[in-house]
Amino acid sequence: MYFDSLQAALSMEGHGSFVWVAYLITLLIISAILLLPALRRRRLLRRIATELARQESGYATGKGAR
């Protein structure tokens, strides 16, 4: 597809708004698919580290000072 100007490329003969919104939605979905597992993994690792620290300090078993 070749266009005479940037305006013609953006408008795409009246269909540009639909096309660019579809690209935006696709980009958002792909970004979420890539980012959310990494964020969940980081959160899980933090929880595991916190739980291990509690167990090592004896808090979970009741051996620690209260």
Protein backbone atom coordinates (compact mmCIF):
# COMPACT_ATOMS: atom_id res chain seq x y z
CA MET A 1 0.00 0.00 0.00
CA TYR A 2 1.45 3.35 -1.00
CA PHE A 3 0.13 6.70 0.10
CA ASP A 4 0.81 10.20 -1.17
CA SER A 5 1.11 11.75 2.28
CA LEU A 6 1.07 10.97 5.97
CA GLN A 7 -2.50 12.24 6.17
CA ALA A 8 -3.56 9.78 3.47
CA ALA A 9 -1.81 6.95 5.32
CA LEU A 10 -3.55 7.84 8.58
CA SER A 11 -7.01 8.24 7.07
CA MET A 12 -6.78 5.23 4.71
CA GLU A 13 -9.71 6.47 2.64
CA GLY A 14 -12.00 6.74 5.67
CA HIS A 15 -11.05 3.39 7.22
CA GLY A 16 -7.99 4.59 9.13
CA SER A 17 -9.72 5.05 12.47
CA PHE A 18 -10.88 1.42 12.47
CA VAL A 19 -7.51 0.12 11.36
CA TRP A 20 -5.48 2.12 13.90
CA VAL A 21 -7.83 1.23 16.76
CA ALA A 22 -7.50 -2.44 15.81
CA TYR A 23 -3.69 -2.11 15.83
CA LEU A 24 -3.82 -0.39 19.23
CA ILE A 25 -6.05 -3.06 20.76
CA THR A 26 -3.81 -5.80 19.36
CA LEU A 27 -0.71 -4.10 20.77
CA LEU A 28 -2.34 -3.76 24.20
CA ILE A 29 -3.39 -7.41 24.28
CA ILE A 30 0.05 -8.66 23.21
CA SER A 31 1.70 -6.40 25.80
CA ALA A 32 -0.56 -7.78 28.52
CA ILE A 33 0.16 -11.35 27.44
CA LEU A 34 3.89 -10.68 27.73
CA LEU A 35 3.94 -8.53 30.89
CA LEU A 36 1.38 -10.10 33.22
CA PRO A 37 3.17 -13.46 33.67
CA ALA A 38 6.41 -11.64 34.52
CA LEU A 39 4.63 -9.49 37.10
CA ARG A 40 2.90 -12.52 38.61
CA ARG A 41 6.22 -14.39 38.78
CA ARG A 42 7.87 -11.48 40.58
CA ARG A 43 4.99 -11.30 43.06
CA LEU A 44 5.15 -15.06 43.68
CA LEU A 45 8.90 -14.98 44.26
CA ARG A 46 8.44 -12.15 46.77
CA ARG A 47 5.80 -14.16 48.64
CA ILE A 48 8.03 -17.23 48.70
CA ALA A 49 10.98 -15.19 49.97
CA THR A 50 8.80 -13.67 52.71
CA GLU A 51 7.52 -17.10 53.75
CA LEU A 52 11.05 -18.53 53.85
CA ALA A 53 12.23 -15.63 55.97
CA ARG A 54 9.35 -16.22 58.40
CA GLN A 55 10.14 -19.92 58.62
CA GLU A 56 13.84 -19.29 59.18
CA SER A 57 13.12 -16.84 61.97
CA GLY A 58 10.90 -19.37 63.71
CA TYR A 59 7.83 -17.18 63.47
CA ALA A 60 5.71 -19.76 61.64
CA THR A 61 6.50 -22.53 64.14
CA GLY A 62 5.92 -20.43 67.24
CA LYS A 63 9.56 -20.69 68.35
CA GLY A 64 10.27 -17.02 67.80
CA ALA A 65 9.88 -14.28 70.43
CA ARG A 66 6.59 -12.44 70.35
